[in-house]
Amino acid sequence: FCPAHVTMTIHCEKEYESILLCLSPAVFNRIADQLDDAPKAH
C-alpha cells in the first residue's frame, strides 16, 4: 500500500500478476468525515 504523493521505486526480478486498486483521496476523506471516531493520523 502506498498513499498518494509518496515517492515509490520498484525493481522486480521477474514478471508477476497483480491487482492494482486506485482509490481517490477525496473518496477516502469523504468517508472519514462521516465517521466520528475516524483516526486523524495519516
Full PDB file with SEQRES, HELIX, SHEET, SSBOND, CRYST1, ORIGX, SCALE, CONECT and MASTER records, all heavy atoms in Angstrom:
SEQRES   1 A   42  PHE CYS PRO ALA HIS VAL THR MET THR ILE HIS CYS GLU          
SEQRES   2 A   42  LYS GLU TYR GLU SER ILE LEU LEU CYS LEU SER PRO ALA          
SEQRES   3 A   42  VAL PHE ASN ARG ILE ALA ASP GLN LEU ASP ASP ALA PRO          
SEQRES   4 A   42  LYS ALA HIS                                                  
HELIX    1 AA1 PRO A   25  ASP A   33  1                                   9    
CRYST1    1.000    1.000    1.000  90.00  90.00  90.00 P 1           1          
ORIGX1      1.000000  0.000000  0.000000        0.00000                         
ORIGX2      0.000000  1.000000  0.000000        0.00000                         
ORIGX3      0.000000  0.000000  1.000000        0.00000                         
SCALE1      1.000000  0.000000  0.000000        0.00000                         
SCALE2      0.000000  1.000000  0.000000        0.00000                         
SCALE3      0.000000  0.000000  1.000000        0.00000                         
ATOM      1  N   PHE A   1       0.842  -1.196   0.000  1.00  0.00           N  
ATOM      2  CA  PHE A   1       0.000   0.000   0.000  1.00  0.00           C  
ATOM      3  C   PHE A   1       0.876   1.245   0.000  1.00  0.00           C  
ATOM      4  O   PHE A   1       1.810   1.359   0.798  1.00  0.00           O  
ATOM      5  CB  PHE A   1      -0.908   0.011   1.229  1.00  0.00           C  
ATOM      6  CG  PHE A   1      -1.733   1.261   1.345  1.00  0.00           C  
ATOM      7  CD1 PHE A   1      -2.794   1.494   0.473  1.00  0.00           C  
ATOM      8  CD2 PHE A   1      -1.438   2.211   2.302  1.00  0.00           C  
ATOM      9  CE1 PHE A   1      -3.550   2.653   0.567  1.00  0.00           C  
ATOM     10  CE2 PHE A   1      -2.187   3.375   2.405  1.00  0.00           C  
ATOM     11  CZ  PHE A   1      -3.245   3.582   1.537  1.00  0.00           C  
ATOM     12  N   CYS A   2       0.584   2.164  -0.901  1.00  0.00           N  
ATOM     13  CA  CYS A   2       1.318   3.434  -0.970  1.00  0.00           C  
ATOM     14  C   CYS A   2       0.320   4.586  -1.012  1.00  0.00           C  
ATOM     15  O   CYS A   2      -0.474   4.684  -1.955  1.00  0.00           O  
ATOM     16  CB  CYS A   2       2.223   3.474  -2.198  1.00  0.00           C  
ATOM     17  SG  CYS A   2       3.273   4.958  -2.274  1.00  0.00           S  
ATOM     18  N   PRO A   3       0.318   5.453  -0.005  1.00  0.00           N  
ATOM     19  CA  PRO A   3      -0.584   6.611  -0.022  1.00  0.00           C  
ATOM     20  C   PRO A   3      -0.233   7.574  -1.155  1.00  0.00           C  
ATOM     21  O   PRO A   3       0.866   7.540  -1.706  1.00  0.00           O  
ATOM     22  CB  PRO A   3      -0.344   7.256   1.344  1.00  0.00           C  
ATOM     23  CG  PRO A   3       0.313   6.209   2.175  1.00  0.00           C  
ATOM     24  CD  PRO A   3       1.108   5.382   1.222  1.00  0.00           C  
ATOM     25  N   ALA A   4      -1.157   8.431  -1.483  1.00  0.00           N  
ATOM     26  CA  ALA A   4      -0.943   9.429  -2.529  1.00  0.00           C  
ATOM     27  C   ALA A   4       0.230  10.343  -2.168  1.00  0.00           C  
ATOM     28  O   ALA A   4       0.463  10.643  -0.993  1.00  0.00           O  
ATOM     29  CB  ALA A   4      -2.213  10.256  -2.727  1.00  0.00           C  
ATOM     30  N   HIS A   5       0.983  10.756  -3.211  1.00  0.00           N  
ATOM     31  CA  HIS A   5       2.075  11.723  -3.102  1.00  0.00           C  
ATOM     32  C   HIS A   5       3.280  11.192  -2.315  1.00  0.00           C  
ATOM     33  O   HIS A   5       4.092  11.987  -1.847  1.00  0.00           O  
ATOM     34  CB  HIS A   5       1.590  13.035  -2.488  1.00  0.00           C  
ATOM     35  CG  HIS A   5       0.407  13.629  -3.197  1.00  0.00           C  
ATOM     36  ND1 HIS A   5       0.422  13.924  -4.543  1.00  0.00           N  
ATOM     37  CD2 HIS A   5      -0.844  13.937  -2.744  1.00  0.00           C  
ATOM     38  CE1 HIS A   5      -0.755  14.407  -4.884  1.00  0.00           C  
ATOM     39  NE2 HIS A   5      -1.542  14.419  -3.824  1.00  0.00           N  
ATOM     40  N   VAL A   6       3.395   9.881  -2.174  1.00  0.00           N  
ATOM     41  CA  VAL A   6       4.573   9.284  -1.541  1.00  0.00           C  
ATOM     42  C   VAL A   6       5.461   8.708  -2.638  1.00  0.00           C  
ATOM     43  O   VAL A   6       4.996   7.990  -3.519  1.00  0.00           O  
ATOM     44  CB  VAL A   6       4.174   8.176  -0.546  1.00  0.00           C  
ATOM     45  CG1 VAL A   6       5.407   7.435  -0.033  1.00  0.00           C  
ATOM     46  CG2 VAL A   6       3.403   8.773   0.629  1.00  0.00           C  
ATOM     47  N   THR A   7       6.754   9.030  -2.583  1.00  0.00           N  
ATOM     48  CA  THR A   7       7.702   8.538  -3.582  1.00  0.00           C  
ATOM     49  C   THR A   7       7.771   7.016  -3.554  1.00  0.00           C  
ATOM     50  O   THR A   7       7.757   6.403  -2.495  1.00  0.00           O  
ATOM     51  CB  THR A   7       9.101   9.111  -3.316  1.00  0.00           C  
ATOM     52  OG1 THR A   7       9.026  10.532  -3.326  1.00  0.00           O  
ATOM     53  CG2 THR A   7      10.079   8.656  -4.385  1.00  0.00           C  
ATOM     54  N   MET A   8       7.896   6.421  -4.745  1.00  0.00           N  
ATOM     55  CA  MET A   8       7.861   4.963  -4.836  1.00  0.00           C  
ATOM     56  C   MET A   8       8.839   4.503  -5.922  1.00  0.00           C  
ATOM     57  O   MET A   8       8.872   5.058  -7.016  1.00  0.00           O  
ATOM     58  CB  MET A   8       6.434   4.529  -5.203  1.00  0.00           C  
ATOM     59  CG  MET A   8       6.184   3.059  -5.256  1.00  0.00           C  
ATOM     60  SD  MET A   8       4.412   2.786  -5.641  1.00  0.00           S  
ATOM     61  CE  MET A   8       4.323   1.023  -5.475  1.00  0.00           C  
ATOM     62  N   THR A   9       9.675   3.515  -5.600  1.00  0.00           N  
ATOM     63  CA  THR A   9      10.523   2.884  -6.602  1.00  0.00           C  
ATOM     64  C   THR A   9      10.435   1.373  -6.417  1.00  0.00           C  
ATOM     65  O   THR A   9      10.408   0.882  -5.289  1.00  0.00           O  
ATOM     66  CB  THR A   9      11.997   3.322  -6.478  1.00  0.00           C  
ATOM     67  OG1 THR A   9      12.451   3.077  -5.143  1.00  0.00           O  
ATOM     68  CG2 THR A   9      12.168   4.777  -6.819  1.00  0.00           C  
ATOM     69  N   ILE A  10      10.381   0.643  -7.535  1.00  0.00           N  
ATOM     70  CA  ILE A  10      10.221  -0.805  -7.501  1.00  0.00           C  
ATOM     71  C   ILE A  10      11.166  -1.433  -8.510  1.00  0.00           C  
ATOM     72  O   ILE A  10      11.270  -0.968  -9.646  1.00  0.00           O  
ATOM     73  CB  ILE A  10       8.779  -1.226  -7.864  1.00  0.00           C  
ATOM     74  CG1 ILE A  10       7.756  -0.554  -6.942  1.00  0.00           C  
ATOM     75  CG2 ILE A  10       8.624  -2.742  -7.803  1.00  0.00           C  
ATOM     76  CD1 ILE A  10       6.317  -0.741  -7.407  1.00  0.00           C  
ATOM     77  N   HIS A  11      11.847  -2.492  -8.092  1.00  0.00           N  
ATOM     78  CA  HIS A  11      12.625  -3.300  -9.026  1.00  0.00           C  
ATOM     79  C   HIS A  11      12.315  -4.758  -8.735  1.00  0.00           C  
ATOM     80  O   HIS A  11      12.456  -5.214  -7.596  1.00  0.00           O  
ATOM     81  CB  HIS A  11      14.125  -3.055  -8.873  1.00  0.00           C  
ATOM     82  CG  HIS A  11      14.944  -3.903  -9.811  1.00  0.00           C  
ATOM     83  ND1 HIS A  11      15.249  -3.498 -11.104  1.00  0.00           N  
ATOM     84  CD2 HIS A  11      15.478  -5.145  -9.674  1.00  0.00           C  
ATOM     85  CE1 HIS A  11      15.947  -4.450 -11.695  1.00  0.00           C  
ATOM     86  NE2 HIS A  11      16.095  -5.462 -10.850  1.00  0.00           N  
ATOM     87  N   CYS A  12      11.871  -5.498  -9.748  1.00  0.00           N  
ATOM     88  CA  CYS A  12      11.479  -6.892  -9.571  1.00  0.00           C  
ATOM     89  C   CYS A  12      12.283  -7.800 -10.495  1.00  0.00           C  
ATOM     90  O   CYS A  12      12.620  -7.421 -11.618  1.00  0.00           O  
ATOM     91  CB  CYS A  12       9.990  -7.069  -9.844  1.00  0.00           C  
ATOM     92  SG  CYS A  12       8.951  -6.213  -8.648  1.00  0.00           S  
ATOM     93  N   GLU A  13      12.536  -9.012 -10.017  1.00  0.00           N  
ATOM     94  CA  GLU A  13      13.353  -9.973 -10.751  1.00  0.00           C  
ATOM     95  C   GLU A  13      12.624 -10.529 -11.966  1.00  0.00           C  
ATOM     96  O   GLU A  13      13.217 -10.741 -13.018  1.00  0.00           O  
ATOM     97  CB  GLU A  13      13.740 -11.116  -9.811  1.00  0.00           C  
ATOM     98  CG  GLU A  13      14.502 -12.249 -10.461  1.00  0.00           C  
ATOM     99  CD  GLU A  13      14.704 -13.421  -9.514  1.00  0.00           C  
ATOM    100  OE1 GLU A  13      14.054 -13.460  -8.459  1.00  0.00           O  
ATOM    101  OE2 GLU A  13      15.514 -14.298  -9.852  1.00  0.00           O  
ATOM    102  N   LYS A  14      11.329 -10.790 -11.854  1.00  0.00           N  
ATOM    103  CA  LYS A  14      10.587 -11.398 -12.946  1.00  0.00           C  
ATOM    104  C   LYS A  14       9.186 -10.812 -13.021  1.00  0.00           C  
ATOM    105  O   LYS A  14       8.727 -10.135 -12.090  1.00  0.00           O  
ATOM    106  CB  LYS A  14      10.528 -12.908 -12.779  1.00  0.00           C  
ATOM    107  CG  LYS A  14       9.836 -13.371 -11.504  1.00  0.00           C  
ATOM    108  CD  LYS A  14       9.869 -14.891 -11.392  1.00  0.00           C  
ATOM    109  CE  LYS A  14       9.118 -15.377 -10.164  1.00  0.00           C  
ATOM    110  NZ  LYS A  14       9.118 -16.853 -10.043  1.00  0.00           N  
ATOM    111  N   GLU A  15       8.498 -11.073 -14.132  1.00  0.00           N  
ATOM    112  CA  GLU A  15       7.146 -10.549 -14.275  1.00  0.00           C  
ATOM    113  C   GLU A  15       6.224 -11.212 -13.260  1.00  0.00           C  
ATOM    114  O   GLU A  15       6.473 -12.337 -12.817  1.00  0.00           O  
ATOM    115  CB  GLU A  15       6.629 -10.761 -15.698  1.00  0.00           C  
ATOM    116  CG  GLU A  15       6.314 -12.179 -16.065  1.00  0.00           C  
ATOM    117  CD  GLU A  15       5.662 -12.272 -17.439  1.00  0.00           C  
ATOM    118  OE1 GLU A  15       5.798 -11.329 -18.232  1.00  0.00           O  
ATOM    119  OE2 GLU A  15       5.017 -13.302 -17.701  1.00  0.00           O  
ATOM    120  N   TYR A  16       5.171 -10.506 -12.917  1.00  0.00           N  
ATOM    121  CA  TYR A  16       4.243 -11.032 -11.917  1.00  0.00           C  
ATOM    122  C   TYR A  16       2.829 -10.515 -12.198  1.00  0.00           C  
ATOM    123  O   TYR A  16       2.643  -9.482 -12.839  1.00  0.00           O  
ATOM    124  CB  TYR A  16       4.686 -10.636 -10.507  1.00  0.00           C  
ATOM    125  CG  TYR A  16       4.705  -9.140 -10.250  1.00  0.00           C  
ATOM    126  CD1 TYR A  16       3.644  -8.496  -9.625  1.00  0.00           C  
ATOM    127  CD2 TYR A  16       5.791  -8.367 -10.639  1.00  0.00           C  
ATOM    128  CE1 TYR A  16       3.667  -7.136  -9.385  1.00  0.00           C  
ATOM    129  CE2 TYR A  16       5.827  -7.000 -10.410  1.00  0.00           C  
ATOM    130  CZ  TYR A  16       4.764  -6.392  -9.771  1.00  0.00           C  
ATOM    131  OH  TYR A  16       4.782  -5.037  -9.543  1.00  0.00           O  
ATOM    132  N   GLU A  17       1.862 -11.258 -11.704  1.00  0.00           N  
ATOM    133  CA  GLU A  17       0.462 -10.865 -11.828  1.00  0.00           C  
ATOM    134  C   GLU A  17       0.019 -10.132 -10.569  1.00  0.00           C  
ATOM    135  O   GLU A  17       0.427 -10.492  -9.459  1.00  0.00           O  
ATOM    136  CB  GLU A  17      -0.419 -12.089 -12.048  1.00  0.00           C  
ATOM    137  CG  GLU A  17      -0.202 -12.792 -13.373  1.00  0.00           C  
ATOM    138  CD  GLU A  17      -1.130 -13.984 -13.515  1.00  0.00           C  
ATOM    139  OE1 GLU A  17      -2.311 -13.766 -13.851  1.00  0.00           O  
ATOM    140  OE2 GLU A  17      -0.680 -15.110 -13.262  1.00  0.00           O  
ATOM    141  N   SER A  18      -0.808  -9.140 -10.741  1.00  0.00           N  
ATOM    142  CA  SER A  18      -1.272  -8.384  -9.583  1.00  0.00           C  
ATOM    143  C   SER A  18      -2.598  -7.712  -9.889  1.00  0.00           C  
ATOM    144  O   SER A  18      -3.029  -7.616 -11.045  1.00  0.00           O  
ATOM    145  CB  SER A  18      -0.241  -7.321  -9.189  1.00  0.00           C  
ATOM    146  OG  SER A  18      -0.143  -6.334 -10.209  1.00  0.00           O  
ATOM    147  N   ILE A  19      -3.236  -7.265  -8.822  1.00  0.00           N  
ATOM    148  CA  ILE A  19      -4.421  -6.413  -8.933  1.00  0.00           C  
ATOM    149  C   ILE A  19      -4.060  -5.070  -8.307  1.00  0.00           C  
ATOM    150  O   ILE A  19      -3.633  -5.006  -7.156  1.00  0.00           O  
ATOM    151  CB  ILE A  19      -5.636  -7.007  -8.204  1.00  0.00           C  
ATOM    152  CG1 ILE A  19      -5.981  -8.393  -8.751  1.00  0.00           C  
ATOM    153  CG2 ILE A  19      -6.847  -6.076  -8.350  1.00  0.00           C  
ATOM    154  CD1 ILE A  19      -7.102  -9.085  -7.988  1.00  0.00           C  
ATOM    155  N   LEU A  20      -4.197  -4.009  -9.088  1.00  0.00           N  
ATOM    156  CA  LEU A  20      -3.932  -2.656  -8.600  1.00  0.00           C  
ATOM    157  C   LEU A  20      -5.263  -1.944  -8.391  1.00  0.00           C  
ATOM    158  O   LEU A  20      -6.079  -1.864  -9.319  1.00  0.00           O  
ATOM    159  CB  LEU A  20      -3.088  -1.871  -9.607  1.00  0.00           C  
ATOM    160  CG  LEU A  20      -2.975  -0.361  -9.364  1.00  0.00           C  
ATOM    161  CD1 LEU A  20      -2.199  -0.080  -8.083  1.00  0.00           C  
ATOM    162  CD2 LEU A  20      -2.317   0.330 -10.559  1.00  0.00           C  
ATOM    163  N   LEU A  21      -5.480  -1.449  -7.177  1.00  0.00           N  
ATOM    164  CA  LEU A  21      -6.676  -0.665  -6.888  1.00  0.00           C  
ATOM    165  C   LEU A  21      -6.258   0.776  -6.650  1.00  0.00           C  
ATOM    166  O   LEU A  21      -5.375   1.047  -5.824  1.00  0.00           O  
ATOM    167  CB  LEU A  21      -7.407  -1.202  -5.656  1.00  0.00           C  
ATOM    168  CG  LEU A  21      -8.733  -0.491  -5.359  1.00  0.00           C  
ATOM    169  CD1 LEU A  21      -9.799  -0.940  -6.354  1.00  0.00           C  
ATOM    170  CD2 LEU A  21      -9.202  -0.751  -3.941  1.00  0.00           C  
ATOM    171  N   CYS A  22      -6.869   1.705  -7.378  1.00  0.00           N  
ATOM    172  CA  CYS A  22      -6.583   3.132  -7.253  1.00  0.00           C  
ATOM    173  C   CYS A  22      -7.754   3.793  -6.528  1.00  0.00           C  
ATOM    174  O   CYS A  22      -8.893   3.734  -7.006  1.00  0.00           O  
ATOM    175  CB  CYS A  22      -6.395   3.770  -8.630  1.00  0.00           C  
ATOM    176  SG  CYS A  22      -5.177   2.927  -9.668  1.00  0.00           S  
ATOM    177  N   LEU A  23      -7.458   4.398  -5.401  1.00  0.00           N  
ATOM    178  CA  LEU A  23      -8.506   4.996  -4.575  1.00  0.00           C  
ATOM    179  C   LEU A  23      -8.239   6.487  -4.414  1.00  0.00           C  
ATOM    180  O   LEU A  23      -7.179   6.896  -3.914  1.00  0.00           O  
ATOM    181  CB  LEU A  23      -8.540   4.319  -3.202  1.00  0.00           C  
ATOM    182  CG  LEU A  23      -9.571   4.820  -2.200  1.00  0.00           C  
ATOM    183  CD1 LEU A  23     -10.986   4.525  -2.694  1.00  0.00           C  
ATOM    184  CD2 LEU A  23      -9.347   4.161  -0.842  1.00  0.00           C  
ATOM    185  N   SER A  24      -9.172   7.297  -4.832  1.00  0.00           N  
ATOM    186  CA  SER A  24      -9.015   8.747  -4.738  1.00  0.00           C  
ATOM    187  C   SER A  24      -8.992   9.193  -3.273  1.00  0.00           C  
ATOM    188  O   SER A  24      -9.828   8.750  -2.480  1.00  0.00           O  
ATOM    189  CB  SER A  24     -10.170   9.445  -5.462  1.00  0.00           C  
ATOM    190  OG  SER A  24     -10.226  10.815  -5.122  1.00  0.00           O  
ATOM    191  N   PRO A  25      -8.047  10.060  -2.895  1.00  0.00           N  
ATOM    192  CA  PRO A  25      -8.057  10.589  -1.521  1.00  0.00           C  
ATOM    193  C   PRO A  25      -9.366  11.288  -1.181  1.00  0.00           C  
ATOM    194  O   PRO A  25      -9.779  11.306  -0.018  1.00  0.00           O  
ATOM    195  CB  PRO A  25      -6.885  11.580  -1.527  1.00  0.00           C  
ATOM    196  CG  PRO A  25      -5.967  11.066  -2.588  1.00  0.00           C  
ATOM    197  CD  PRO A  25      -6.877  10.518  -3.655  1.00  0.00           C  
ATOM    198  N   ALA A  26     -10.026  11.871  -2.193  1.00  0.00           N  
ATOM    199  CA  ALA A  26     -11.305  12.552  -1.943  1.00  0.00           C  
ATOM    200  C   ALA A  26     -12.349  11.563  -1.435  1.00  0.00           C  
ATOM    201  O   ALA A  26     -13.128  11.860  -0.522  1.00  0.00           O  
ATOM    202  CB  ALA A  26     -11.789  13.241  -3.216  1.00  0.00           C  
ATOM    203  N   VAL A  27     -12.373  10.370  -2.042  1.00  0.00           N  
ATOM    204  CA  VAL A  27     -13.303   9.327  -1.587  1.00  0.00           C  
ATOM    205  C   VAL A  27     -12.955   8.912  -0.163  1.00  0.00           C  
ATOM    206  O   VAL A  27     -13.820   8.800   0.708  1.00  0.00           O  
ATOM    207  CB  VAL A  27     -13.246   8.103  -2.531  1.00  0.00           C  
ATOM    208  CG1 VAL A  27     -14.054   6.946  -1.962  1.00  0.00           C  
ATOM    209  CG2 VAL A  27     -13.758   8.485  -3.912  1.00  0.00           C  
ATOM    210  N   PHE A  28     -11.680   8.675   0.083  1.00  0.00           N  
ATOM    211  CA  PHE A  28     -11.217   8.263   1.402  1.00  0.00           C  
ATOM    212  C   PHE A  28     -11.568   9.316   2.458  1.00  0.00           C  
ATOM    213  O   PHE A  28     -12.094   8.996   3.534  1.00  0.00           O  
ATOM    214  CB  PHE A  28      -9.710   8.036   1.346  1.00  0.00           C  
ATOM    215  CG  PHE A  28      -9.124   7.472   2.603  1.00  0.00           C  
ATOM    216  CD1 PHE A  28      -9.074   6.108   2.807  1.00  0.00           C  
ATOM    217  CD2 PHE A  28      -8.604   8.310   3.573  1.00  0.00           C  
ATOM    218  CE1 PHE A  28      -8.523   5.576   3.965  1.00  0.00           C  
ATOM    219  CE2 PHE A  28      -8.051   7.794   4.731  1.00  0.00           C  
ATOM    220  CZ  PHE A  28      -8.008   6.430   4.925  1.00  0.00           C  
ATOM    221  N   ASN A  29     -11.300  10.586   2.148  1.00  0.00           N  
ATOM    222  CA  ASN A  29     -11.558  11.658   3.109  1.00  0.00           C  
ATOM    223  C   ASN A  29     -13.052  11.855   3.343  1.00  0.00           C  
ATOM    224  O   ASN A  29     -13.469  12.181   4.459  1.00  0.00           O  
ATOM    225  CB  ASN A  29     -10.925  12.963   2.623  1.00  0.00           C  
ATOM    226  CG  ASN A  29      -9.410  12.883   2.593  1.00  0.00           C  
ATOM    227  OD1 ASN A  29      -8.811  12.086   3.295  1.00  0.00           O  
ATOM    228  ND2 ASN A  29      -8.787  13.703   1.757  1.00  0.00           N  
ATOM    229  N   ARG A  30     -13.839  11.685   2.289  1.00  0.00           N  
ATOM    230  CA  ARG A  30     -15.293  11.826   2.442  1.00  0.00           C  
ATOM    231  C   ARG A  30     -15.846  10.781   3.407  1.00  0.00           C  
ATOM    232  O   ARG A  30     -16.711  11.078   4.242  1.00  0.00           O  
ATOM    233  CB  ARG A  30     -15.978  11.708   1.079  1.00  0.00           C  
ATOM    234  CG  ARG A  30     -17.493  11.951   1.145  1.00  0.00           C  
ATOM    235  CD  ARG A  30     -18.115  12.057  -0.232  1.00  0.00           C  
ATOM    236  NE  ARG A  30     -18.038  10.803  -0.965  1.00  0.00           N  
ATOM    237  CZ  ARG A  30     -17.329  10.623  -2.060  1.00  0.00           C  
ATOM    238  NH1 ARG A  30     -16.602  11.618  -2.558  1.00  0.00           N  
ATOM    239  NH2 ARG A  30     -17.321   9.462  -2.682  1.00  0.00           N  
ATOM    240  N   ILE A  31     -15.346   9.569   3.297  1.00  0.00           N  
ATOM    241  CA  ILE A  31     -15.796   8.507   4.199  1.00  0.00           C  
ATOM    242  C   ILE A  31     -15.321   8.794   5.620  1.00  0.00           C  
ATOM    243  O   ILE A  31     -16.063   8.610   6.592  1.00  0.00           O  
ATOM    244  CB  ILE A  31     -15.276   7.146   3.707  1.00  0.00           C  
ATOM    245  CG1 ILE A  31     -15.929   6.798   2.359  1.00  0.00           C  
ATOM    246  CG2 ILE A  31     -15.549   6.042   4.723  1.00  0.00           C  
ATOM    247  CD1 ILE A  31     -15.314   5.611   1.659  1.00  0.00           C  
ATOM    248  N   ALA A  32     -14.074   9.280   5.756  1.00  0.00           N  
ATOM    249  CA  ALA A  32     -13.544   9.600   7.080  1.00  0.00           C  
ATOM    250  C   ALA A  32     -14.360  10.694   7.757  1.00  0.00           C  
ATOM    251  O   ALA A  32     -14.592  10.656   8.975  1.00  0.00           O  
ATOM    252  CB  ALA A  32     -12.081  10.023   6.967  1.00  0.00           C  
ATOM    253  N   ASP A  33     -14.822  11.666   6.976  1.00  0.00           N  
ATOM    254  CA  ASP A  33     -15.610  12.768   7.534  1.00  0.00           C  
ATOM    255  C   ASP A  33     -16.948  12.294   8.081  1.00  0.00           C  
ATOM    256  O   ASP A  33     -17.542  12.940   8.949  1.00  0.00           O  
ATOM    257  CB  ASP A  33     -15.855  13.840   6.463  1.00  0.00           C  
ATOM    258  CG  ASP A  33     -14.586  14.603   6.112  1.00  0.00           C  
ATOM    259  OD1 ASP A  33     -13.631  14.557   6.916  1.00  0.00           O  
ATOM    260  OD2 ASP A  33     -14.543  15.217   5.035  1.00  0.00           O  
ATOM    261  N   GLN A  34     -17.433  11.156   7.579  1.00  0.00           N  
ATOM    262  CA  GLN A  34     -18.719  10.624   8.038  1.00  0.00           C  
ATOM    263  C   GLN A  34     -18.590   9.815   9.326  1.00  0.00           C  
ATOM    264  O   GLN A  34     -19.591   9.436   9.929  1.00  0.00           O  
ATOM    265  CB  GLN A  34     -19.334   9.745   6.950  1.00  0.00           C  
ATOM    266  CG  GLN A  34     -19.647  10.483   5.655  1.00  0.00           C  
ATOM    267  CD  GLN A  34     -20.120   9.553   4.563  1.00  0.00           C  
ATOM    268  OE1 GLN A  34     -20.606   8.460   4.816  1.00  0.00           O  
ATOM    269  NE2 GLN A  34     -19.977   9.987   3.315  1.00  0.00           N  
ATOM    270  N   LEU A  35     -17.350   9.550   9.748  1.00  0.00           N  
ATOM    271  CA  LEU A  35     -17.104   8.730  10.934  1.00  0.00           C  
ATOM    272  C   LEU A  35     -16.620   9.614  12.071  1.00  0.00           C  
ATOM    273  O   LEU A  35     -15.604  10.291  11.964  1.00  0.00           O  
ATOM    274  CB  LEU A  35     -16.053   7.657  10.630  1.00  0.00           C  
ATOM    275  CG  LEU A  35     -16.368   6.721   9.443  1.00  0.00           C  
ATOM    276  CD1 LEU A  35     -15.194   5.804   9.183  1.00  0.00           C  
ATOM    277  CD2 LEU A  35     -17.625   5.903   9.731  1.00  0.00           C  
ATOM    278  N   ASP A  36     -17.337   9.595  13.172  1.00  0.00           N  
ATOM    279  CA  ASP A  36     -16.968  10.428  14.313  1.00  0.00           C  
ATOM    280  C   ASP A  36     -15.650   9.984  14.942  1.00  0.00           C  
ATOM    281  O   ASP A  36     -14.918  10.795  15.507  1.00  0.00           O  
ATOM    282  CB  ASP A  36     -18.073  10.383  15.375  1.00  0.00           C  
ATOM    283  CG  ASP A  36     -19.376  11.009  14.869  1.00  0.00           C  
ATOM    284  OD1 ASP A  36     -19.300  11.884  13.985  1.00  0.00           O  
ATOM    285  OD2 ASP A  36     -20.444  10.607  15.358  1.00  0.00           O  
ATOM    286  N   ASP A  37     -15.369   8.668  14.852  1.00  0.00           N  
ATOM    287  CA  ASP A  37     -14.176   8.137  15.519  1.00  0.00           C  
ATOM    288  C   ASP A  37     -13.041   7.845  14.537  1.00  0.00           C  
ATOM    289  O   ASP A  37     -12.133   7.076  14.838  1.00  0.00           O  
ATOM    290  CB  ASP A  37     -14.523   6.849  16.279  1.00  0.00           C  
ATOM    291  CG  ASP A  37     -15.161   5.793  15.371  1.00  0.00           C  
ATOM    292  OD1 ASP A  37     -15.518   6.138  14.224  1.00  0.00           O  
ATOM    293  OD2 ASP A  37     -15.309   4.642  15.827  1.00  0.00           O  
ATOM    294  N   ALA A  38     -13.083   8.443  13.330  1.00  0.00           N  
ATOM    295  CA  ALA A  38     -12.033   8.191  12.347  1.00  0.00           C  
ATOM    296  C   ALA A  38     -10.699   8.737  12.856  1.00  0.00           C  
ATOM    297  O   ALA A  38     -10.637   9.842  13.391  1.00  0.00           O  
ATOM    298  CB  ALA A  38     -12.376   8.846  11.012  1.00  0.00           C  
ATOM    299  N   PRO A  39      -9.604   7.985  12.719  1.00  0.00           N  
ATOM    300  CA  PRO A  39      -8.293   8.461  13.182  1.00  0.00           C  
ATOM    301  C   PRO A  39      -7.835   9.670  12.374  1.00  0.00           C  
ATOM    302  O   PRO A  39      -8.130   9.783  11.190  1.00  0.00           O  
ATOM    303  CB  PRO A  39      -7.379   7.256  12.948  1.00  0.00           C  
ATOM    304  CG  PRO A  39      -8.060   6.454  11.891  1.00  0.00           C  
ATOM    305  CD  PRO A  39      -9.523   6.648  12.103  1.00  0.00           C  
ATOM    306  N   LYS A  40      -7.109  10.559  13.025  1.00  0.00           N  
ATOM    307  CA  LYS A  40      -6.663  11.792  12.375  1.00  0.00           C  
ATOM    308  C   LYS A  40      -5.270  11.677  11.763  1.00  0.00           C  
ATOM    309  O   LYS A  40      -4.885  12.503  10.949  1.00  0.00           O  
ATOM    310  CB  LYS A  40      -6.666  12.938  13.400  1.00  0.00           C  
ATOM    311  CG  LYS A  40      -8.032  13.156  14.057  1.00  0.00           C  
ATOM    312  CD  LYS A  40      -9.123  13.404  13.025  1.00  0.00           C  
ATOM    313  CE  LYS A  40     -10.475  13.627  13.707  1.00  0.00           C  
ATOM    314  NZ  LYS A  40     -11.567  13.778  12.722  1.00  0.00           N  
ATOM    315  N   ALA A  41      -4.511  10.650  12.158  1.00  0.00           N  
ATOM    316  CA  ALA A  41      -3.159  10.499  11.620  1.00  0.00           C  
ATOM    317  C   ALA A  41      -3.201  10.088  10.159  1.00  0.00           C  
ATOM    318  O   ALA A  41      -4.209   9.571   9.669  1.00  0.00           O  
ATOM    319  CB  ALA A  41      -2.394   9.445  12.436  1.00  0.00           C  
ATOM    320  N   HIS A  42      -2.100  10.309   9.456  1.00  0.00           N  
ATOM    321  CA  HIS A  42      -2.017   9.943   8.045  1.00  0.00           C  
ATOM    322  C   HIS A  42      -1.891   8.432   7.905  1.00  0.00           C  
ATOM    323  O   HIS A  42      -1.265   7.761   8.719  1.00  0.00           O  
ATOM    324  CB  HIS A  42      -0.816  10.618   7.387  1.00  0.00           C  
ATOM    325  CG  HIS A  42      -0.948  12.102   7.292  1.00  0.00           C  
ATOM    326  ND1 HIS A  42      -1.917  12.714   6.527  1.00  0.00           N  
ATOM    327  CD2 HIS A  42      -0.226  13.099   7.862  1.00  0.00           C  
ATOM    328  CE1 HIS A  42      -1.793  14.036   6.630  1.00  0.00           C  
ATOM    329  NE2 HIS A  42      -0.779  14.284   7.443  1.00  0.00           N  
TER     330      HIS A  42                                                      
MASTER        0    0    0    1    0    0    0    6  329    1    0    4          
END                                                                             
